[in-house]
N, C-alpha and C. Protein backbone atom coordinates (compact mmCIF):
# COMPACT_ATOMS: atom_id res chain seq x y z
N MET A 1 42.77 167.16 59.71
CA MET A 1 43.48 168.22 60.41
C MET A 1 43.23 169.51 59.67
N LYS A 2 43.05 170.57 60.40
CA LYS A 2 42.82 171.88 59.79
C LYS A 2 44.08 172.36 59.10
N ALA A 3 43.90 173.10 58.01
CA ALA A 3 45.05 173.66 57.30
C ALA A 3 45.84 174.53 58.26
N GLY A 4 47.14 174.36 58.24
CA GLY A 4 48.01 175.15 59.10
C GLY A 4 48.08 174.64 60.53
N HIS A 5 47.31 173.61 60.85
CA HIS A 5 47.33 173.05 62.20
C HIS A 5 48.59 172.21 62.39
N ARG A 6 49.31 172.47 63.44
CA ARG A 6 50.52 171.71 63.74
C ARG A 6 50.16 170.60 64.73
N PRO A 7 50.41 169.35 64.37
CA PRO A 7 50.04 168.27 65.29
C PRO A 7 50.88 168.33 66.57
N ALA A 8 50.26 167.91 67.64
CA ALA A 8 50.96 167.86 68.92
C ALA A 8 51.45 166.42 69.12
N ILE A 9 52.76 166.25 69.03
CA ILE A 9 53.37 164.93 69.20
C ILE A 9 54.45 165.06 70.25
N THR A 10 54.27 164.36 71.35
CA THR A 10 55.28 164.36 72.41
C THR A 10 55.91 162.97 72.49
N ILE A 11 57.04 162.89 73.20
CA ILE A 11 57.68 161.59 73.41
C ILE A 11 57.94 161.40 74.90
N ARG A 12 57.86 160.14 75.33
CA ARG A 12 58.13 159.76 76.72
C ARG A 12 58.63 158.33 76.75
N ARG A 13 59.32 158.00 77.82
CA ARG A 13 59.71 156.60 78.01
C ARG A 13 58.48 155.78 78.34
N VAL A 14 58.40 154.59 77.78
CA VAL A 14 57.24 153.73 77.98
C VAL A 14 57.14 153.28 79.45
N TYR A 15 58.26 153.29 80.16
CA TYR A 15 58.26 152.86 81.55
C TYR A 15 57.66 153.91 82.49
N GLU A 16 57.47 155.13 82.00
CA GLU A 16 56.77 156.14 82.80
C GLU A 16 55.28 155.84 82.67
N PRO A 17 54.59 155.68 83.81
CA PRO A 17 53.17 155.36 83.71
C PRO A 17 52.40 156.49 83.03
N PRO A 18 51.32 156.13 82.35
CA PRO A 18 50.52 157.17 81.70
C PRO A 18 50.05 158.22 82.71
N ALA A 19 50.19 159.46 82.33
CA ALA A 19 49.75 160.56 83.20
C ALA A 19 48.25 160.78 82.98
N PRO A 20 47.55 161.27 84.01
CA PRO A 20 46.13 161.56 83.82
C PRO A 20 45.95 162.56 82.67
N GLY A 21 45.07 162.24 81.76
CA GLY A 21 44.80 163.12 80.63
C GLY A 21 45.85 163.10 79.53
N GLU A 22 46.84 162.21 79.66
CA GLU A 22 47.88 162.12 78.62
C GLU A 22 47.25 161.69 77.30
N PRO A 23 47.75 162.25 76.19
CA PRO A 23 47.23 161.83 74.88
C PRO A 23 47.49 160.34 74.66
N PRO A 24 46.81 159.77 73.67
CA PRO A 24 47.03 158.34 73.35
C PRO A 24 48.51 158.04 73.16
N ARG A 25 48.94 156.93 73.76
CA ARG A 25 50.35 156.51 73.71
C ARG A 25 50.54 155.44 72.65
N TRP A 26 51.55 155.65 71.81
CA TRP A 26 51.88 154.71 70.74
C TRP A 26 53.31 154.22 70.93
N LEU A 27 53.47 152.92 71.13
CA LEU A 27 54.81 152.34 71.23
C LEU A 27 55.44 152.34 69.85
N VAL A 28 56.67 152.86 69.75
CA VAL A 28 57.35 152.98 68.45
C VAL A 28 58.66 152.20 68.42
N ASP A 29 58.72 151.12 69.17
CA ASP A 29 59.87 150.21 69.17
C ASP A 29 59.46 148.93 68.45
N ARG A 30 60.43 148.25 67.86
CA ARG A 30 60.15 146.99 67.15
C ARG A 30 60.01 145.83 68.14
N ILE A 31 60.66 145.94 69.30
CA ILE A 31 60.65 144.88 70.31
C ILE A 31 59.84 145.35 71.51
N TRP A 32 59.02 144.45 72.08
CA TRP A 32 58.23 144.81 73.27
C TRP A 32 59.18 145.09 74.44
N PRO A 33 58.92 146.15 75.21
CA PRO A 33 59.79 146.51 76.34
C PRO A 33 59.82 145.43 77.43
N ARG A 34 61.01 145.13 77.89
CA ARG A 34 61.21 144.11 78.92
C ARG A 34 60.45 144.46 80.20
N GLY A 35 59.81 143.44 80.75
CA GLY A 35 59.19 143.55 82.06
C GLY A 35 57.95 144.42 82.12
N LEU A 36 57.39 144.79 81.00
CA LEU A 36 56.23 145.67 80.98
C LEU A 36 55.02 144.92 80.45
N THR A 37 53.92 144.99 81.19
CA THR A 37 52.70 144.36 80.71
C THR A 37 51.96 145.31 79.78
N LYS A 38 51.11 144.75 78.95
CA LYS A 38 50.34 145.60 78.04
C LYS A 38 49.44 146.55 78.83
N ALA A 39 48.89 146.08 79.94
CA ALA A 39 48.02 146.93 80.75
C ALA A 39 48.81 148.11 81.34
N ALA A 40 50.01 147.84 81.84
CA ALA A 40 50.82 148.90 82.44
C ALA A 40 51.28 149.92 81.41
N ALA A 41 51.47 149.48 80.17
CA ALA A 41 51.94 150.38 79.12
C ALA A 41 50.88 151.41 78.74
N GLY A 42 49.62 151.05 78.87
CA GLY A 42 48.53 151.98 78.56
C GLY A 42 48.56 152.50 77.14
N LEU A 43 48.70 151.60 76.19
CA LEU A 43 48.89 152.00 74.80
C LEU A 43 47.59 152.10 74.01
N ALA A 44 47.59 153.05 73.07
CA ALA A 44 46.53 153.12 72.08
C ALA A 44 46.87 152.17 70.94
N GLY A 45 48.18 151.94 70.74
CA GLY A 45 48.62 151.05 69.68
C GLY A 45 50.12 150.86 69.69
N TRP A 46 50.55 149.92 68.85
CA TRP A 46 51.97 149.60 68.72
C TRP A 46 52.34 149.76 67.26
N ALA A 47 53.07 150.80 66.94
CA ALA A 47 53.48 151.08 65.56
C ALA A 47 54.83 150.44 65.29
N LYS A 48 54.87 149.13 65.35
CA LYS A 48 56.10 148.35 65.19
C LYS A 48 56.77 148.61 63.85
N GLU A 49 55.98 148.77 62.80
CA GLU A 49 56.54 148.96 61.46
C GLU A 49 57.21 150.32 61.29
N ALA A 50 56.89 151.27 62.17
CA ALA A 50 57.49 152.61 62.10
C ALA A 50 58.85 152.65 62.81
N ALA A 51 59.21 151.58 63.50
CA ALA A 51 60.48 151.51 64.22
C ALA A 51 61.63 151.30 63.24
N PRO A 52 62.85 151.62 63.65
CA PRO A 52 64.01 151.36 62.78
C PRO A 52 64.13 149.87 62.49
N SER A 53 64.72 149.54 61.36
CA SER A 53 64.96 148.13 61.03
C SER A 53 65.84 147.51 62.11
N THR A 54 65.76 146.21 62.22
CA THR A 54 66.59 145.50 63.20
C THR A 54 68.06 145.77 62.93
N ALA A 55 68.47 145.74 61.67
CA ALA A 55 69.88 145.98 61.34
C ALA A 55 70.32 147.38 61.76
N LEU A 56 69.50 148.38 61.53
CA LEU A 56 69.86 149.75 61.91
C LEU A 56 69.90 149.90 63.43
N ARG A 57 68.91 149.33 64.10
CA ARG A 57 68.87 149.41 65.57
C ARG A 57 70.11 148.76 66.17
N GLN A 58 70.50 147.60 65.65
CA GLN A 58 71.68 146.91 66.18
C GLN A 58 72.95 147.69 65.88
N TRP A 59 73.04 148.28 64.68
CA TRP A 59 74.22 149.08 64.34
C TRP A 59 74.34 150.28 65.28
N PHE A 60 73.24 150.97 65.52
CA PHE A 60 73.24 152.16 66.38
C PHE A 60 73.67 151.80 67.80
N GLY A 61 73.08 150.76 68.35
CA GLY A 61 73.45 150.31 69.69
C GLY A 61 73.33 151.38 70.76
N HIS A 62 72.54 152.40 70.53
CA HIS A 62 72.35 153.51 71.47
C HIS A 62 73.65 154.22 71.83
N GLU A 63 74.54 154.29 70.85
CA GLU A 63 75.81 155.00 71.01
C GLU A 63 75.60 156.46 70.57
N PRO A 64 75.64 157.42 71.50
CA PRO A 64 75.37 158.82 71.14
C PRO A 64 76.22 159.35 69.99
N GLN A 65 77.46 158.91 69.88
CA GLN A 65 78.32 159.40 68.80
C GLN A 65 77.85 158.92 67.42
N ARG A 66 77.00 157.91 67.38
CA ARG A 66 76.45 157.40 66.12
C ARG A 66 75.09 158.01 65.80
N PHE A 67 74.59 158.86 66.67
CA PHE A 67 73.21 159.34 66.52
C PHE A 67 72.96 160.11 65.23
N ALA A 68 73.85 160.98 64.84
CA ALA A 68 73.63 161.76 63.61
C ALA A 68 73.48 160.84 62.40
N GLU A 69 74.35 159.84 62.30
CA GLU A 69 74.26 158.89 61.19
C GLU A 69 73.02 158.00 61.33
N PHE A 70 72.69 157.60 62.57
CA PHE A 70 71.46 156.83 62.82
C PHE A 70 70.25 157.63 62.33
N ARG A 71 70.21 158.90 62.69
CA ARG A 71 69.10 159.77 62.29
C ARG A 71 68.97 159.80 60.77
N ARG A 72 70.09 160.01 60.09
CA ARG A 72 70.08 160.07 58.63
C ARG A 72 69.55 158.77 58.03
N ARG A 73 70.06 157.64 58.52
CA ARG A 73 69.65 156.34 57.98
C ARG A 73 68.19 156.01 58.32
N TYR A 74 67.77 156.35 59.53
CA TYR A 74 66.39 156.07 59.94
C TYR A 74 65.40 156.89 59.12
N ILE A 75 65.70 158.16 58.92
CA ILE A 75 64.81 158.99 58.09
C ILE A 75 64.75 158.44 56.66
N ALA A 76 65.87 157.96 56.15
CA ALA A 76 65.87 157.34 54.81
C ALA A 76 64.96 156.11 54.80
N GLU A 77 65.00 155.30 55.86
CA GLU A 77 64.11 154.14 55.95
C GLU A 77 62.65 154.59 55.97
N LEU A 78 62.35 155.60 56.75
CA LEU A 78 60.98 156.09 56.85
C LEU A 78 60.48 156.64 55.51
N ARG A 79 61.33 157.36 54.82
CA ARG A 79 60.94 157.93 53.52
C ARG A 79 60.73 156.82 52.48
N ALA A 80 61.46 155.72 52.63
CA ALA A 80 61.33 154.60 51.68
C ALA A 80 60.02 153.83 51.87
N ARG A 81 59.44 153.95 53.05
CA ARG A 81 58.17 153.25 53.33
C ARG A 81 57.25 154.12 54.18
N PRO A 82 56.73 155.20 53.59
CA PRO A 82 55.88 156.12 54.34
C PRO A 82 54.61 155.46 54.90
N GLU A 83 54.16 154.38 54.27
CA GLU A 83 52.96 153.70 54.77
C GLU A 83 53.17 153.15 56.19
N ALA A 84 54.41 152.95 56.60
CA ALA A 84 54.69 152.44 57.95
C ALA A 84 54.27 153.43 59.03
N THR A 85 54.18 154.70 58.67
CA THR A 85 53.80 155.73 59.66
C THR A 85 52.39 156.24 59.46
N ASP A 86 51.65 155.68 58.51
CA ASP A 86 50.29 156.18 58.23
C ASP A 86 49.40 156.18 59.47
N VAL A 87 49.48 155.13 60.28
CA VAL A 87 48.62 155.05 61.47
C VAL A 87 48.94 156.19 62.45
N LEU A 88 50.22 156.54 62.57
CA LEU A 88 50.61 157.62 63.47
C LEU A 88 50.20 158.98 62.92
N VAL A 89 50.34 159.16 61.61
CA VAL A 89 49.91 160.41 60.98
C VAL A 89 48.41 160.58 61.16
N ALA A 90 47.65 159.50 60.94
CA ALA A 90 46.20 159.56 61.10
C ALA A 90 45.82 159.90 62.54
N ALA A 91 46.49 159.27 63.50
CA ALA A 91 46.20 159.54 64.92
C ALA A 91 46.52 160.99 65.27
N ALA A 92 47.62 161.52 64.74
CA ALA A 92 48.02 162.91 65.02
C ALA A 92 47.05 163.90 64.39
N HIS A 93 46.39 163.50 63.31
CA HIS A 93 45.40 164.39 62.70
C HIS A 93 44.15 164.49 63.57
N VAL A 94 43.87 163.44 64.35
CA VAL A 94 42.69 163.43 65.22
C VAL A 94 42.94 164.29 66.46
N GLY A 95 44.15 164.22 66.98
CA GLY A 95 44.48 164.98 68.19
C GLY A 95 45.89 164.67 68.64
N PRO A 96 46.29 165.21 69.77
CA PRO A 96 47.66 164.98 70.28
C PRO A 96 47.93 163.49 70.49
N ILE A 97 49.19 163.10 70.28
CA ILE A 97 49.61 161.73 70.56
C ILE A 97 50.96 161.78 71.29
N THR A 98 51.26 160.69 71.97
CA THR A 98 52.55 160.53 72.63
C THR A 98 53.23 159.29 72.07
N LEU A 99 54.45 159.47 71.58
CA LEU A 99 55.26 158.35 71.12
C LEU A 99 56.05 157.85 72.32
N VAL A 100 55.96 156.57 72.62
CA VAL A 100 56.69 156.02 73.76
C VAL A 100 57.72 155.02 73.27
N TYR A 101 58.84 154.97 74.00
CA TYR A 101 60.00 154.16 73.61
C TYR A 101 60.63 153.60 74.88
N ALA A 102 61.45 152.57 74.73
CA ALA A 102 62.07 151.93 75.89
C ALA A 102 63.49 152.39 76.18
N ALA A 103 64.16 153.00 75.24
CA ALA A 103 65.57 153.40 75.42
C ALA A 103 65.75 154.26 76.68
N GLN A 104 66.93 154.13 77.30
CA GLN A 104 67.21 154.92 78.49
C GLN A 104 67.59 156.36 78.15
N ASP A 105 68.23 156.55 77.02
CA ASP A 105 68.68 157.88 76.60
C ASP A 105 67.47 158.66 76.08
N GLU A 106 67.14 159.75 76.76
CA GLU A 106 65.95 160.51 76.41
C GLU A 106 66.18 161.47 75.25
N THR A 107 67.41 161.60 74.78
CA THR A 107 67.73 162.50 73.68
C THR A 107 68.06 161.73 72.40
N HIS A 108 68.87 160.69 72.53
CA HIS A 108 69.37 159.94 71.38
C HIS A 108 68.57 158.65 71.23
N ASN A 109 67.37 158.75 70.67
CA ASN A 109 66.53 157.57 70.51
C ASN A 109 65.67 157.69 69.25
N ASN A 110 65.10 156.58 68.83
CA ASN A 110 64.31 156.56 67.61
C ASN A 110 63.04 157.40 67.70
N ALA A 111 62.44 157.52 68.88
CA ALA A 111 61.20 158.30 69.00
C ALA A 111 61.45 159.77 68.70
N ALA A 112 62.61 160.29 69.10
CA ALA A 112 62.93 161.69 68.81
C ALA A 112 63.04 161.92 67.31
N VAL A 113 63.66 160.98 66.60
CA VAL A 113 63.79 161.09 65.14
C VAL A 113 62.43 160.91 64.49
N LEU A 114 61.66 159.95 64.95
CA LEU A 114 60.34 159.69 64.38
C LEU A 114 59.42 160.90 64.58
N ARG A 115 59.48 161.53 65.73
CA ARG A 115 58.67 162.73 65.97
C ARG A 115 59.03 163.81 64.95
N GLU A 116 60.32 164.03 64.77
CA GLU A 116 60.79 165.02 63.79
C GLU A 116 60.25 164.70 62.39
N TYR A 117 60.35 163.44 61.99
CA TYR A 117 59.86 163.01 60.69
C TYR A 117 58.36 163.23 60.56
N LEU A 118 57.60 162.83 61.58
CA LEU A 118 56.15 162.98 61.54
C LEU A 118 55.73 164.44 61.48
N MET A 119 56.41 165.30 62.21
CA MET A 119 56.08 166.72 62.18
C MET A 119 56.30 167.27 60.77
N GLY A 120 57.35 166.84 60.11
CA GLY A 120 57.61 167.27 58.74
C GLY A 120 56.60 166.69 57.77
N ARG A 121 56.24 165.43 57.98
CA ARG A 121 55.29 164.77 57.08
C ARG A 121 53.90 165.39 57.20
N ALA A 122 53.55 165.85 58.38
CA ALA A 122 52.23 166.46 58.59
C ALA A 122 52.09 167.74 57.80
N HIS A 123 53.21 168.37 57.46
CA HIS A 123 53.17 169.63 56.71
C HIS A 123 53.39 169.44 55.22
N ALA A 124 53.67 168.21 54.82
CA ALA A 124 53.97 167.95 53.39
C ALA A 124 52.71 168.00 52.54
């Protein structure tokens, strides 16, 4: 990546079909989305290790009032094992990527936190 270049990382629900010309899609959930085939997902890869731990995901339970604490804990997990996001950082250095997730809440989800973390890591 060029010095000063800001990676383009977007997020979308995995259930939205890939748009024409959409950047490579990376699933960032630990569990495969229900009812979705690999072909329909249109993924470049599955960054399962970059997802929140099972314990953290279960504690969060997609409760919006827990999101701030979920964010804090998830970023701590990511910082403790930066190698889990290496594949995503490498892909973002090549060009734009899309992080896809299965959660229904488009604001309070792990992909939003992961995008924030990756954007910061790209500048570190």
